[in-house]
Amino acid sequence: MWGKSASAMPYWPRRARSTTAFCDKRAPIFRVGVEEIRRADEAMRSSNAAAELAHQALDLANLAYHAGATTNIEVIDAERRARDADSAVVIAEDNVRQARLDLLVAAGQFP
């Protein structure tokens, strides 16, 4: 390597193309990142819908309990399911934020 001219080194002729090649190599990363965000958004919407249904089920369980139609076990189970659904929403929101952050890092917009 020492003593060779710049033209004899194999990486010098490609230097002018390196930016274009670098962008071309990153394009799949961006596509994957955008797709990951789309999937995470869809999962978050599904989690929100599931949480809403779980809270409706909790309301129905409370009404049934106060009417004497069910026991407190059903209410406790509905509370647990609603809490689990709320936890799933928070996890899905975190996944969306993480996917967006990963795309920013891949784009070089975040340290």
C-alpha atoms as a PDB file:
ATOM      1  CA  MET A   1       0.000   0.000   0.000  1.00  0.00           C
ATOM      2  CA  TRP A   2       2.793   2.421   0.837  1.00  0.00           C
ATOM      3  CA  GLY A   3       4.628   3.576  -2.204  1.00  0.00           C
ATOM      4  CA  LYS A   4       1.773   2.843  -4.588  1.00  0.00           C
ATOM      5  CA  SER A   5       0.269   5.697  -6.513  1.00  0.00           C
ATOM      6  CA  ALA A   6      -3.317   6.736  -5.893  1.00  0.00           C
ATOM      7  CA  SER A   7      -4.337   5.409  -9.295  1.00  0.00           C
ATOM      8  CA  ALA A   8      -2.955   1.967  -8.431  1.00  0.00           C
ATOM      9  CA  MET A   9      -5.108   1.709  -5.315  1.00  0.00           C
ATOM     10  CA  PRO A  10      -8.376  -0.068  -6.085  1.00  0.00           C
ATOM     11  CA  TYR A  11     -10.631   2.151  -3.986  1.00  0.00           C
ATOM     12  CA  TRP A  12      -9.709   5.524  -5.520  1.00  0.00           C
ATOM     13  CA  PRO A  13     -11.609   5.129  -8.817  1.00  0.00           C
ATOM     14  CA  ARG A  14     -14.787   4.222  -6.924  1.00  0.00           C
ATOM     15  CA  ARG A  15     -14.625   7.242  -4.643  1.00  0.00           C
ATOM     16  CA  ALA A  16     -16.773   9.386  -6.967  1.00  0.00           C
ATOM     17  CA  ARG A  17     -19.491   6.716  -7.003  1.00  0.00           C
ATOM     18  CA  SER A  18     -19.411   6.010  -3.275  1.00  0.00           C
ATOM     19  CA  THR A  19     -22.175   8.456  -2.328  1.00  0.00           C
ATOM     20  CA  THR A  20     -24.557   7.067  -4.932  1.00  0.00           C
ATOM     21  CA  ALA A  21     -23.713   3.500  -4.017  1.00  0.00           C
ATOM     22  CA  PHE A  22     -24.134   4.332  -0.339  1.00  0.00           C
ATOM     23  CA  CYS A  23     -27.621   5.778  -0.970  1.00  0.00           C
ATOM     24  CA  ASP A  24     -28.554   2.809  -3.125  1.00  0.00           C
ATOM     25  CA  LYS A  25     -27.472   0.430  -0.372  1.00  0.00           C
ATOM     26  CA  ARG A  26     -29.535   2.331   2.210  1.00  0.00           C
ATOM     27  CA  ALA A  27     -32.740   2.343   0.141  1.00  0.00           C
ATOM     28  CA  PRO A  28     -33.760  -1.167   1.291  1.00  0.00           C
ATOM     29  CA  ILE A  29     -33.098  -0.111   4.884  1.00  0.00           C
ATOM     30  CA  PHE A  30     -35.485   2.806   4.468  1.00  0.00           C
ATOM     31  CA  ARG A  31     -38.124   0.607   2.846  1.00  0.00           C
ATOM     32  CA  VAL A  32     -37.832  -1.873   5.690  1.00  0.00           C
ATOM     33  CA  GLY A  33     -38.004   0.950   8.225  1.00  0.00           C
ATOM     34  CA  VAL A  34     -41.114   2.459   6.679  1.00  0.00           C
ATOM     35  CA  GLU A  35     -42.735  -0.966   6.492  1.00  0.00           C
ATOM     36  CA  GLU A  36     -41.866  -1.581  10.141  1.00  0.00           C
ATOM     37  CA  ILE A  37     -43.532   1.697  11.107  1.00  0.00           C
ATOM     38  CA  ARG A  38     -46.615   0.750   9.098  1.00  0.00           C
ATOM     39  CA  ARG A  39     -46.824  -2.630  10.839  1.00  0.00           C
ATOM     40  CA  ALA A  40     -46.321  -1.079  14.258  1.00  0.00           C
ATOM     41  CA  ASP A  41     -49.047   1.496  13.553  1.00  0.00           C
ATOM     42  CA  GLU A  42     -51.423  -1.256  12.498  1.00  0.00           C
ATOM     43  CA  ALA A  43     -50.616  -3.252  15.639  1.00  0.00           C
ATOM     44  CA  MET A  44     -51.239  -0.144  17.741  1.00  0.00           C
ATOM     45  CA  ARG A  45     -54.631   0.424  16.095  1.00  0.00           C
ATOM     46  CA  SER A  46     -55.536  -3.216  16.749  1.00  0.00           C
ATOM     47  CA  SER A  47     -54.406  -2.940  20.360  1.00  0.00           C
ATOM     48  CA  ASN A  48     -56.472   0.203  20.841  1.00  0.00           C
ATOM     49  CA  ALA A  49     -59.549  -1.531  19.447  1.00  0.00           C
ATOM     50  CA  ALA A  50     -58.955  -4.556  21.683  1.00  0.00           C
ATOM     51  CA  ALA A  51     -58.557  -2.322  24.726  1.00  0.00           C
ATOM     52  CA  GLU A  52     -61.782  -0.516  23.920  1.00  0.00           C
ATOM     53  CA  LEU A  53     -63.613  -3.842  23.656  1.00  0.00           C
ATOM     54  CA  ALA A  54     -62.058  -5.042  26.910  1.00  0.00           C
ATOM     55  CA  HIS A  55     -63.296  -1.924  28.696  1.00  0.00           C
ATOM     56  CA  GLN A  56     -66.775  -2.437  27.247  1.00  0.00           C
ATOM     57  CA  ALA A  57     -66.682  -6.021  28.539  1.00  0.00           C
ATOM     58  CA  LEU A  58     -65.649  -4.683  31.945  1.00  0.00           C
ATOM     59  CA  ASP A  59     -68.591  -2.291  31.954  1.00  0.00           C
ATOM     60  CA  LEU A  60     -70.944  -5.144  31.062  1.00  0.00           C
ATOM     61  CA  ALA A  61     -69.438  -7.340  33.779  1.00  0.00           C
ATOM     62  CA  ASN A  62     -69.970  -4.570  36.332  1.00  0.00           C
ATOM     63  CA  LEU A  63     -73.590  -4.106  35.220  1.00  0.00           C
ATOM     64  CA  ALA A  64     -74.207  -7.842  35.435  1.00  0.00           C
ATOM     65  CA  TYR A  65     -72.599  -8.000  38.867  1.00  0.00           C
ATOM     66  CA  HIS A  66     -74.701  -5.125  40.219  1.00  0.00           C
ATOM     67  CA  ALA A  67     -77.807  -6.765  38.787  1.00  0.00           C
ATOM     68  CA  GLY A  68     -76.871  -9.977  40.592  1.00  0.00           C
ATOM     69  CA  ALA A  69     -76.386 -12.009  37.426  1.00  0.00           C
ATOM     70  CA  THR A  70     -72.676 -12.785  37.921  1.00  0.00           C
ATOM     71  CA  THR A  71     -70.133 -13.059  40.698  1.00  0.00           C
ATOM     72  CA  ASN A  72     -67.215 -10.813  41.489  1.00  0.00           C
ATOM     73  CA  ILE A  73     -64.870 -13.357  39.846  1.00  0.00           C
ATOM     74  CA  GLU A  74     -66.179 -12.337  36.408  1.00  0.00           C
ATOM     75  CA  VAL A  75     -65.650  -8.666  37.295  1.00  0.00           C
ATOM     76  CA  ILE A  76     -62.110  -9.336  38.504  1.00  0.00           C
ATOM     77  CA  ASP A  77     -61.375 -11.317  35.339  1.00  0.00           C
ATOM     78  CA  ALA A  78     -62.751  -8.500  33.160  1.00  0.00           C
ATOM     79  CA  GLU A  79     -60.625  -5.965  35.086  1.00  0.00           C
ATOM     80  CA  ARG A  80     -57.540  -8.092  34.493  1.00  0.00           C
ATOM     81  CA  ARG A  81     -58.287  -8.407  30.791  1.00  0.00           C
ATOM     82  CA  ALA A  82     -58.851  -4.647  30.488  1.00  0.00           C
ATOM     83  CA  ARG A  83     -55.580  -3.974  32.294  1.00  0.00           C
ATOM     84  CA  ASP A  84     -53.762  -6.453  30.047  1.00  0.00           C
ATOM     85  CA  ALA A  85     -55.241  -4.758  26.984  1.00  0.00           C
ATOM     86  CA  ASP A  86     -54.102  -1.365  28.282  1.00  0.00           C
ATOM     87  CA  SER A  87     -50.610  -2.785  28.758  1.00  0.00           C
ATOM     88  CA  ALA A  88     -50.659  -4.105  25.186  1.00  0.00           C
ATOM     89  CA  VAL A  89     -51.556  -0.603  23.957  1.00  0.00           C
ATOM     90  CA  VAL A  90     -48.595   0.914  25.793  1.00  0.00           C
ATOM     91  CA  ILE A  91     -46.272  -1.750  24.398  1.00  0.00           C
ATOM     92  CA  ALA A  92     -47.610  -1.132  20.868  1.00  0.00           C
ATOM     93  CA  GLU A  93     -47.092   2.625  21.268  1.00  0.00           C
ATOM     94  CA  ASP A  94     -43.533   1.952  22.388  1.00  0.00           C
ATOM     95  CA  ASN A  95     -42.973  -0.275  19.342  1.00  0.00           C
ATOM     96  CA  VAL A  96     -44.162   2.531  17.051  1.00  0.00           C
ATOM     97  CA  ARG A  97     -41.797   4.992  18.706  1.00  0.00           C
ATOM     98  CA  GLN A  98     -38.937   2.506  18.478  1.00  0.00           C
ATOM     99  CA  ALA A  99     -39.600   1.865  14.772  1.00  0.00           C
ATOM    100  CA  ARG A 100     -39.599   5.608  14.083  1.00  0.00           C
ATOM    101  CA  LEU A 101     -36.407   6.048  16.057  1.00  0.00           C
ATOM    102  CA  ASP A 102     -34.766   3.167  14.175  1.00  0.00           C
ATOM    103  CA  LEU A 103     -35.662   4.833  10.869  1.00  0.00           C
ATOM    104  CA  LEU A 104     -34.215   8.148  12.046  1.00  0.00           C
ATOM    105  CA  VAL A 105     -31.006   6.397  13.059  1.00  0.00           C
ATOM    106  CA  ALA A 106     -30.823   4.607   9.706  1.00  0.00           C
ATOM    107  CA  ALA A 107     -31.340   7.930   7.930  1.00  0.00           C
ATOM    108  CA  GLY A 108     -28.573   9.516   9.975  1.00  0.00           C
ATOM    109  CA  GLN A 109     -30.968  12.057  11.469  1.00  0.00           C
ATOM    110  CA  PHE A 110     -30.483  10.908  15.058  1.00  0.00           C
ATOM    111  CA  PRO A 111     -27.171  10.300  16.788  1.00  0.00           C
END
